[in-house]
Amino acid sequence: MDLSFNYDLDLFKNLGLTLKVDVDYHSNNENHFSIALFNNLLENGIKNFSIVPTANKYDNTDFIITNTLTNAKMHIELKCRDIRYENYESYFVNANKIKAIEQKNLVPCILVWCFGYKIYYIIYDDDFKIKYKTNSVWTITGNANANVMNVLKKDMTTGFDNLTNRIVSILNLT
């Protein structure tokens, strides 16, 4: 996943990729991720798709990927983290975010953790709901109190190519 290049917003939009324009640290990482995903799909001969960021930074997911032939949609929630946290056995996701994904029916949805060039992901589906419904929700206190779910790394799939292939499979992209 090559993230070291400049990009032309209008060129990408004409090709089916919309980037975030109100860019801060997190949305810049999200733009780099969406460009890498977009390029990987194109390099694998996939056409007829679009990647669009959700409407605002407080939405429950970060991207919507659409099969432009069938209008099938899926959501991506991206968590970009410092590489030093990659070796942990589990990763956190805000429990309220998971609850909102369920309540708003933002499915299919893939939860993605990005540690530099290392990608881990898990599909939010019935298996996820069964496995993690009894998972304890913790409260982390500090500057921002948060209820979080602890998602086990051993339950995740790794690799950017695997993620791309899974997206292709879910959306039946060609």
Protein backbone atom coordinates (compact mmCIF):
# COMPACT_ATOMS: atom_id res chain seq x y z
CA MET A 1 0.00 0.00 0.00
CA ASP A 2 1.84 3.07 -1.25
CA LEU A 3 0.73 6.18 0.62
CA SER A 4 3.50 8.55 -0.48
CA PHE A 5 2.07 10.64 -3.30
CA ASN A 6 0.16 13.83 -3.98
CA TYR A 7 -3.33 13.64 -5.39
CA ASP A 8 -5.66 15.61 -7.60
CA LEU A 9 -9.14 15.81 -6.01
CA ASP A 10 -10.94 16.45 -9.31
CA LEU A 11 -9.17 13.60 -11.11
CA PHE A 12 -10.11 11.08 -8.42
CA LYS A 13 -13.70 12.33 -8.24
CA ASN A 14 -14.08 11.86 -12.01
CA LEU A 15 -12.86 8.27 -11.57
CA GLY A 16 -15.33 7.50 -8.74
CA LEU A 17 -13.37 8.44 -5.62
CA THR A 18 -14.35 11.34 -3.43
CA LEU A 19 -11.85 12.50 -0.83
CA LYS A 20 -12.36 14.46 2.35
CA VAL A 21 -11.52 18.12 1.85
CA ASP A 22 -11.69 19.36 5.46
CA VAL A 23 -8.44 17.57 6.20
CA ASP A 24 -6.99 17.00 9.65
CA TYR A 25 -4.67 14.22 10.83
CA HIS A 26 -7.39 11.56 10.86
CA SER A 27 -9.06 12.51 7.59
CA ASN A 28 -5.66 12.73 5.89
CA ASN A 29 -5.03 9.11 6.91
CA GLU A 30 -8.52 8.25 5.68
CA ASN A 31 -7.78 9.92 2.32
CA HIS A 32 -4.53 7.98 1.96
CA PHE A 33 -6.31 4.74 2.82
CA SER A 34 -9.14 5.38 0.35
CA ILE A 35 -6.67 6.27 -2.43
CA ALA A 36 -4.69 3.06 -1.76
CA LEU A 37 -7.90 0.99 -1.77
CA PHE A 38 -9.13 2.72 -4.91
CA ASN A 39 -5.83 2.08 -6.70
CA ASN A 40 -5.71 -1.54 -5.53
CA LEU A 41 -9.22 -2.17 -6.90
CA LEU A 42 -8.32 -0.56 -10.24
CA GLU A 43 -5.03 -2.48 -10.46
CA ASN A 44 -7.00 -5.69 -10.00
CA GLY A 45 -9.25 -4.80 -12.94
CA ILE A 46 -12.25 -3.87 -10.81
CA LYS A 47 -14.51 -1.25 -12.32
CA ASN A 48 -17.99 0.11 -11.63
CA PHE A 49 -17.47 1.17 -8.02
CA SER A 50 -17.22 4.37 -6.07
CA ILE A 51 -15.70 5.25 -2.70
CA VAL A 52 -17.22 8.22 -0.91
CA PRO A 53 -16.51 9.51 2.60
CA THR A 54 -19.47 9.77 4.93
CA ALA A 55 -21.04 13.19 5.31
CA ASN A 56 -19.28 14.45 8.42
CA LYS A 57 -16.54 13.50 10.82
CA TYR A 58 -19.02 12.40 13.50
CA ASP A 59 -20.69 9.75 11.34
CA ASN A 60 -20.48 6.17 12.56
CA THR A 61 -18.45 4.94 9.59
CA ASP A 62 -15.83 6.62 7.42
CA PHE A 63 -16.58 5.44 3.86
CA ILE A 64 -19.31 4.02 1.71
CA ILE A 65 -18.22 1.80 -1.16
CA THR A 66 -20.85 1.31 -3.85
CA ASN A 67 -21.19 -1.14 -6.71
CA THR A 68 -22.33 1.37 -9.32
CA LEU A 69 -24.04 -1.33 -11.41
CA THR A 70 -26.24 -2.78 -8.64
CA ASN A 71 -26.18 0.12 -6.14
CA ALA A 72 -25.10 -2.38 -3.44
CA LYS A 73 -23.33 -0.52 -0.65
CA MET A 74 -21.00 -1.33 2.20
CA HIS A 75 -19.51 0.74 4.98
CA ILE A 76 -15.92 0.94 6.20
CA GLU A 77 -14.94 2.09 9.67
CA LEU A 78 -11.23 2.89 9.70
CA LYS A 79 -9.10 3.12 12.83
CA CYS A 80 -5.61 4.46 12.06
CA ARG A 81 -3.22 3.80 14.92
CA ASP A 82 0.46 4.29 15.63
CA ILE A 83 2.54 1.27 14.60
CA ARG A 84 3.73 0.79 18.19
CA TYR A 85 0.25 -0.52 19.11
CA GLU A 86 0.16 -3.16 16.37
CA ASN A 87 1.59 -5.95 18.57
CA TYR A 88 -1.28 -5.92 21.06
CA GLU A 89 -3.55 -8.98 21.17
CA SER A 90 -6.71 -6.92 20.75
CA TYR A 91 -7.87 -3.53 19.53
CA PHE A 92 -10.54 -1.17 20.82
CA VAL A 93 -13.55 0.19 19.02
CA ASN A 94 -16.06 2.57 20.54
CA ALA A 95 -19.02 0.51 21.79
CA ASN A 96 -21.44 3.31 20.92
CA LYS A 97 -20.16 3.23 17.34
CA ILE A 98 -20.89 -0.51 17.11
CA LYS A 99 -24.33 0.05 18.61
CA ALA A 100 -25.06 2.80 16.07
CA ILE A 101 -23.87 0.62 13.16
CA GLU A 102 -26.45 -1.94 14.27
CA GLN A 103 -29.26 0.53 14.96
CA LYS A 104 -28.77 2.42 11.69
CA ASN A 105 -28.32 -0.84 9.74
CA LEU A 106 -24.97 0.27 8.28
CA VAL A 107 -24.29 -3.23 7.00
CA PRO A 108 -22.41 -4.77 5.50
CA CYS A 109 -19.62 -3.07 7.40
CA ILE A 110 -15.92 -3.82 7.73
CA LEU A 111 -14.01 -2.58 10.77
CA VAL A 112 -10.42 -1.85 9.72
CA TRP A 113 -7.38 -1.12 11.89
CA CYS A 114 -4.44 0.40 10.04
CA PHE A 115 -0.99 0.48 11.65
CA GLY A 116 1.20 2.16 9.05
CA TYR A 117 1.23 -0.40 6.25
CA LYS A 118 -0.25 -3.22 8.33
CA ILE A 119 -3.97 -3.83 7.95
CA TYR A 120 -6.27 -5.87 10.21
CA TYR A 121 -9.98 -6.16 9.63
CA ILE A 122 -13.11 -7.94 10.78
CA ILE A 123 -16.52 -8.07 9.17
CA TYR A 124 -19.36 -6.71 11.25
CA ASP A 125 -21.89 -9.48 10.63
CA ASP A 126 -23.97 -12.04 12.52
CA ASP A 127 -20.84 -13.95 13.59
CA PHE A 128 -19.35 -10.75 15.00
CA LYS A 129 -22.59 -9.94 16.84
CA ILE A 130 -22.78 -13.44 18.34
CA LYS A 131 -19.15 -13.50 19.42
CA TYR A 132 -18.99 -9.98 20.81
CA LYS A 133 -22.49 -9.46 22.23
CA THR A 134 -21.36 -10.89 25.57
CA ASN A 135 -17.98 -9.19 25.35
CA SER A 136 -17.61 -6.82 28.24
CA VAL A 137 -17.77 -3.16 27.43
CA TRP A 138 -15.16 -1.20 29.33
CA THR A 139 -15.08 2.43 30.27
CA ILE A 140 -11.77 4.14 29.67
CA THR A 141 -11.43 7.27 31.71
CA GLY A 142 -9.20 10.22 31.03
CA ASN A 143 -9.57 13.26 28.83
CA ALA A 144 -12.44 11.60 26.98
CA ASN A 145 -14.43 8.90 28.73
CA ALA A 146 -15.37 6.16 26.30
CA ASN A 147 -17.14 2.82 26.34
CA VAL A 148 -15.10 0.46 24.21
CA MET A 149 -15.28 -3.08 22.89
CA ASN A 150 -12.17 -5.18 22.89
CA VAL A 151 -11.90 -6.95 19.49
CA LEU A 152 -9.41 -9.81 19.44
CA LYS A 153 -6.68 -9.69 16.82
CA LYS A 154 -6.88 -13.48 16.41
CA ASP A 155 -10.43 -13.03 15.04
CA MET A 156 -9.25 -10.60 12.36
CA THR A 157 -7.92 -11.11 8.87
CA THR A 158 -4.70 -9.37 7.86
CA GLY A 159 -3.48 -7.78 4.69
CA PHE A 160 -4.55 -5.11 2.27
CA ASP A 161 -5.00 -7.54 -0.63
CA ASN A 162 -7.22 -9.76 1.52
CA LEU A 163 -9.30 -6.73 2.48
CA THR A 164 -9.65 -5.71 -1.17
CA ASN A 165 -10.69 -9.24 -2.15
CA ARG A 166 -13.27 -9.34 0.63
CA ILE A 167 -14.79 -6.04 -0.51
CA VAL A 168 -14.95 -7.36 -4.08
CA SER A 169 -16.66 -10.51 -2.85
CA ILE A 170 -19.21 -8.74 -0.63
CA LEU A 171 -20.21 -6.24 -3.30
CA ASN A 172 -19.89 -8.64 -6.26
CA LEU A 173 -17.60 -6.18 -8.02
CA THR A 174 -16.26 -6.97 -11.48
